[in-house]
Amino acid sequence: MTAGLGGMASKPTKRTGTIDRPHTHDPRNQAPMSVPTNEPAGSATPNATLIGAHGSRQNRTREMQLIPEALARAHMHDRMREADMQRQAVRLVNARRMQRKAERVSMRARRALAMAVMH
């Protein structure tokens, strides 16, 4: 075997990617970009880690996907409260109707008793 002609390497070399040809397309596995040294301090926007940006993007997407569910939940809550108020109003109307009926029956019984006592 001759040395250096493609035999087994003792240690695999770590491939680093470039901007045009990244080692991986997954932003979570890429190294964060660094600020060039020739740029004055404070002139650029601060570095944001890709994981943080990706996490906030994921969170925003998740929140947007849950908006219809939250709207439906709020709508159902309003409908339930409306139905409870309507049931309470119906119970109140029925209670007043029964109260008036009981008063009429009571007056009829008093009249009947008074008529019985007088004769």
C-alpha atoms as a PDB file:
ATOM      1  CA  MET A   1       0.000   0.000   0.000  1.00  0.00           C
ATOM      2  CA  THR A   2       1.238   3.416  -0.829  1.00  0.00           C
ATOM      3  CA  ALA A   3       0.780   6.260   1.594  1.00  0.00           C
ATOM      4  CA  GLY A   4      -1.732   8.944   0.731  1.00  0.00           C
ATOM      5  CA  LEU A   5      -3.508   7.187  -2.145  1.00  0.00           C
ATOM      6  CA  GLY A   6      -6.932   6.925  -0.625  1.00  0.00           C
ATOM      7  CA  GLY A   7      -6.439   4.218   1.942  1.00  0.00           C
ATOM      8  CA  MET A   8      -8.401   4.307   5.207  1.00  0.00           C
ATOM      9  CA  ALA A   9      -8.047   7.644   6.895  1.00  0.00           C
ATOM     10  CA  SER A  10      -7.119   7.535  10.532  1.00  0.00           C
ATOM     11  CA  LYS A  11      -9.543  10.347  11.450  1.00  0.00           C
ATOM     12  CA  PRO A  12     -12.520  11.603   9.412  1.00  0.00           C
ATOM     13  CA  THR A  13     -12.206  15.252   8.499  1.00  0.00           C
ATOM     14  CA  LYS A  14     -15.007  17.581   9.535  1.00  0.00           C
ATOM     15  CA  ARG A  15     -16.621  19.136   6.491  1.00  0.00           C
ATOM     16  CA  THR A  16     -17.611  22.745   6.926  1.00  0.00           C
ATOM     17  CA  GLY A  17     -20.078  24.303   4.566  1.00  0.00           C
ATOM     18  CA  THR A  18     -20.096  27.636   2.827  1.00  0.00           C
ATOM     19  CA  ILE A  19     -22.910  30.123   2.394  1.00  0.00           C
ATOM     20  CA  ASP A  20     -23.572  28.864  -1.131  1.00  0.00           C
ATOM     21  CA  ARG A  21     -23.227  25.189  -0.200  1.00  0.00           C
ATOM     22  CA  PRO A  22     -24.141  24.700   3.470  1.00  0.00           C
ATOM     23  CA  HIS A  23     -23.202  21.461   5.123  1.00  0.00           C
ATOM     24  CA  THR A  24     -26.841  21.087   6.184  1.00  0.00           C
ATOM     25  CA  HIS A  25     -30.039  22.872   5.205  1.00  0.00           C
ATOM     26  CA  ASP A  26     -31.541  22.615   8.681  1.00  0.00           C
ATOM     27  CA  PRO A  27     -31.140  26.064  10.337  1.00  0.00           C
ATOM     28  CA  ARG A  28     -30.960  24.490  13.800  1.00  0.00           C
ATOM     29  CA  ASN A  29     -27.809  22.580  12.880  1.00  0.00           C
ATOM     30  CA  GLN A  30     -26.007  25.473  11.205  1.00  0.00           C
ATOM     31  CA  ALA A  31     -23.501  27.597  13.057  1.00  0.00           C
ATOM     32  CA  PRO A  32     -24.703  31.124  13.850  1.00  0.00           C
ATOM     33  CA  MET A  33     -23.351  33.848  11.610  1.00  0.00           C
ATOM     34  CA  SER A  34     -20.644  36.033  13.087  1.00  0.00           C
ATOM     35  CA  VAL A  35     -20.309  39.811  12.767  1.00  0.00           C
ATOM     36  CA  PRO A  36     -17.445  40.890  10.473  1.00  0.00           C
ATOM     37  CA  THR A  37     -14.528  42.367  12.392  1.00  0.00           C
ATOM     38  CA  ASN A  38     -14.152  45.370  10.064  1.00  0.00           C
ATOM     39  CA  GLU A  39     -17.608  46.683  10.993  1.00  0.00           C
ATOM     40  CA  PRO A  40     -17.738  49.347  13.728  1.00  0.00           C
ATOM     41  CA  ALA A  41     -19.177  48.167  17.021  1.00  0.00           C
ATOM     42  CA  GLY A  42     -22.845  48.927  17.524  1.00  0.00           C
ATOM     43  CA  SER A  43     -23.561  49.635  13.857  1.00  0.00           C
ATOM     44  CA  ALA A  44     -25.230  46.321  13.125  1.00  0.00           C
ATOM     45  CA  THR A  45     -28.252  44.718  14.654  1.00  0.00           C
ATOM     46  CA  PRO A  46     -27.383  42.374  17.507  1.00  0.00           C
ATOM     47  CA  ASN A  47     -26.848  38.706  16.741  1.00  0.00           C
ATOM     48  CA  ALA A  48     -29.816  36.449  17.226  1.00  0.00           C
ATOM     49  CA  THR A  49     -29.201  32.776  17.639  1.00  0.00           C
ATOM     50  CA  LEU A  50     -30.903  30.645  15.049  1.00  0.00           C
ATOM     51  CA  ILE A  51     -32.439  28.442  17.697  1.00  0.00           C
ATOM     52  CA  GLY A  52     -34.094  31.443  19.334  1.00  0.00           C
ATOM     53  CA  ALA A  53     -35.345  32.749  15.989  1.00  0.00           C
ATOM     54  CA  HIS A  54     -36.548  29.307  15.006  1.00  0.00           C
ATOM     55  CA  GLY A  55     -38.265  28.844  18.371  1.00  0.00           C
ATOM     56  CA  SER A  56     -40.099  32.152  18.130  1.00  0.00           C
ATOM     57  CA  ARG A  57     -41.070  31.373  14.555  1.00  0.00           C
ATOM     58  CA  GLN A  58     -42.381  27.979  15.644  1.00  0.00           C
ATOM     59  CA  ASN A  59     -44.258  29.578  18.546  1.00  0.00           C
ATOM     60  CA  ARG A  60     -45.791  32.205  16.264  1.00  0.00           C
ATOM     61  CA  THR A  61     -46.861  29.522  13.794  1.00  0.00           C
ATOM     62  CA  ARG A  62     -48.368  27.434  16.598  1.00  0.00           C
ATOM     63  CA  GLU A  63     -50.228  30.475  17.948  1.00  0.00           C
ATOM     64  CA  MET A  64     -51.577  31.256  14.492  1.00  0.00           C
ATOM     65  CA  GLN A  65     -52.746  27.667  14.076  1.00  0.00           C
ATOM     66  CA  LEU A  66     -54.544  27.875  17.433  1.00  0.00           C
ATOM     67  CA  ILE A  67     -56.361  31.160  16.649  1.00  0.00           C
ATOM     68  CA  PRO A  68     -59.422  29.453  15.077  1.00  0.00           C
ATOM     69  CA  GLU A  69     -59.616  27.089  18.042  1.00  0.00           C
ATOM     70  CA  ALA A  70     -59.457  30.005  20.488  1.00  0.00           C
ATOM     71  CA  LEU A  71     -62.127  31.882  18.518  1.00  0.00           C
ATOM     72  CA  ALA A  72     -64.360  28.810  18.488  1.00  0.00           C
ATOM     73  CA  ARG A  73     -63.843  28.365  22.238  1.00  0.00           C
ATOM     74  CA  ALA A  74     -64.740  32.031  22.893  1.00  0.00           C
ATOM     75  CA  HIS A  75     -67.784  31.740  20.631  1.00  0.00           C
ATOM     76  CA  MET A  76     -68.951  28.603  22.428  1.00  0.00           C
ATOM     77  CA  HIS A  77     -68.380  30.282  25.810  1.00  0.00           C
ATOM     78  CA  ASP A  78     -70.558  33.215  24.711  1.00  0.00           C
ATOM     79  CA  ARG A  79     -73.237  30.851  23.410  1.00  0.00           C
ATOM     80  CA  MET A  80     -73.228  28.868  26.673  1.00  0.00           C
ATOM     81  CA  ARG A  81     -73.534  32.057  28.727  1.00  0.00           C
ATOM     82  CA  GLU A  82     -76.362  33.241  26.463  1.00  0.00           C
ATOM     83  CA  ALA A  83     -78.150  29.889  26.821  1.00  0.00           C
ATOM     84  CA  ASP A  84     -77.750  30.013  30.623  1.00  0.00           C
ATOM     85  CA  MET A  85     -79.210  33.521  30.709  1.00  0.00           C
ATOM     86  CA  GLN A  86     -82.105  32.418  28.516  1.00  0.00           C
ATOM     87  CA  ARG A  87     -82.798  29.383  30.740  1.00  0.00           C
ATOM     88  CA  GLN A  88     -82.721  31.626  33.807  1.00  0.00           C
ATOM     89  CA  ALA A  89     -85.182  34.034  32.148  1.00  0.00           C
ATOM     90  CA  VAL A  90     -87.525  31.138  31.270  1.00  0.00           C
ATOM     91  CA  ARG A  91     -87.336  29.845  34.862  1.00  0.00           C
ATOM     92  CA  LEU A  92     -88.162  33.336  36.162  1.00  0.00           C
ATOM     93  CA  VAL A  93     -91.165  33.655  33.826  1.00  0.00           C
ATOM     94  CA  ASN A  94     -92.420  30.201  34.868  1.00  0.00           C
ATOM     95  CA  ALA A  95     -91.937  31.021  38.575  1.00  0.00           C
ATOM     96  CA  ARG A  96     -93.939  34.258  38.233  1.00  0.00           C
ATOM     97  CA  ARG A  97     -96.680  32.437  36.315  1.00  0.00           C
ATOM     98  CA  MET A  98     -96.899  29.753  39.002  1.00  0.00           C
ATOM     99  CA  GLN A  99     -96.903  32.408  41.736  1.00  0.00           C
ATOM    100  CA  ARG A 100     -99.872  34.197  40.117  1.00  0.00           C
ATOM    101  CA  LYS A 101    -101.689  30.881  39.718  1.00  0.00           C
ATOM    102  CA  ALA A 102    -101.057  30.031  43.392  1.00  0.00           C
ATOM    103  CA  GLU A 103    -102.388  33.456  44.427  1.00  0.00           C
ATOM    104  CA  ARG A 104    -105.561  32.903  42.364  1.00  0.00           C
ATOM    105  CA  VAL A 105    -106.098  29.462  43.896  1.00  0.00           C
ATOM    106  CA  SER A 106    -105.528  30.930  47.374  1.00  0.00           C
ATOM    107  CA  MET A 107    -108.108  33.691  46.754  1.00  0.00           C
ATOM    108  CA  ARG A 108    -110.598  31.126  45.416  1.00  0.00           C
ATOM    109  CA  ALA A 109    -110.101  28.993  48.565  1.00  0.00           C
ATOM    110  CA  ARG A 110    -110.618  32.038  50.822  1.00  0.00           C
ATOM    111  CA  ARG A 111    -113.815  32.932  48.975  1.00  0.00           C
ATOM    112  CA  ALA A 112    -115.056  29.378  49.263  1.00  0.00           C
ATOM    113  CA  LEU A 113    -114.271  29.347  52.982  1.00  0.00           C
ATOM    114  CA  ALA A 114    -115.955  32.707  53.516  1.00  0.00           C
ATOM    115  CA  MET A 115    -119.038  31.512  51.620  1.00  0.00           C
ATOM    116  CA  ALA A 116    -119.147  28.335  53.740  1.00  0.00           C
ATOM    117  CA  VAL A 117    -118.895  30.293  56.992  1.00  0.00           C
ATOM    118  CA  MET A 118    -121.622  32.755  56.000  1.00  0.00           C
ATOM    119  CA  HIS A 119    -124.239  30.134  55.190  1.00  0.00           C
END
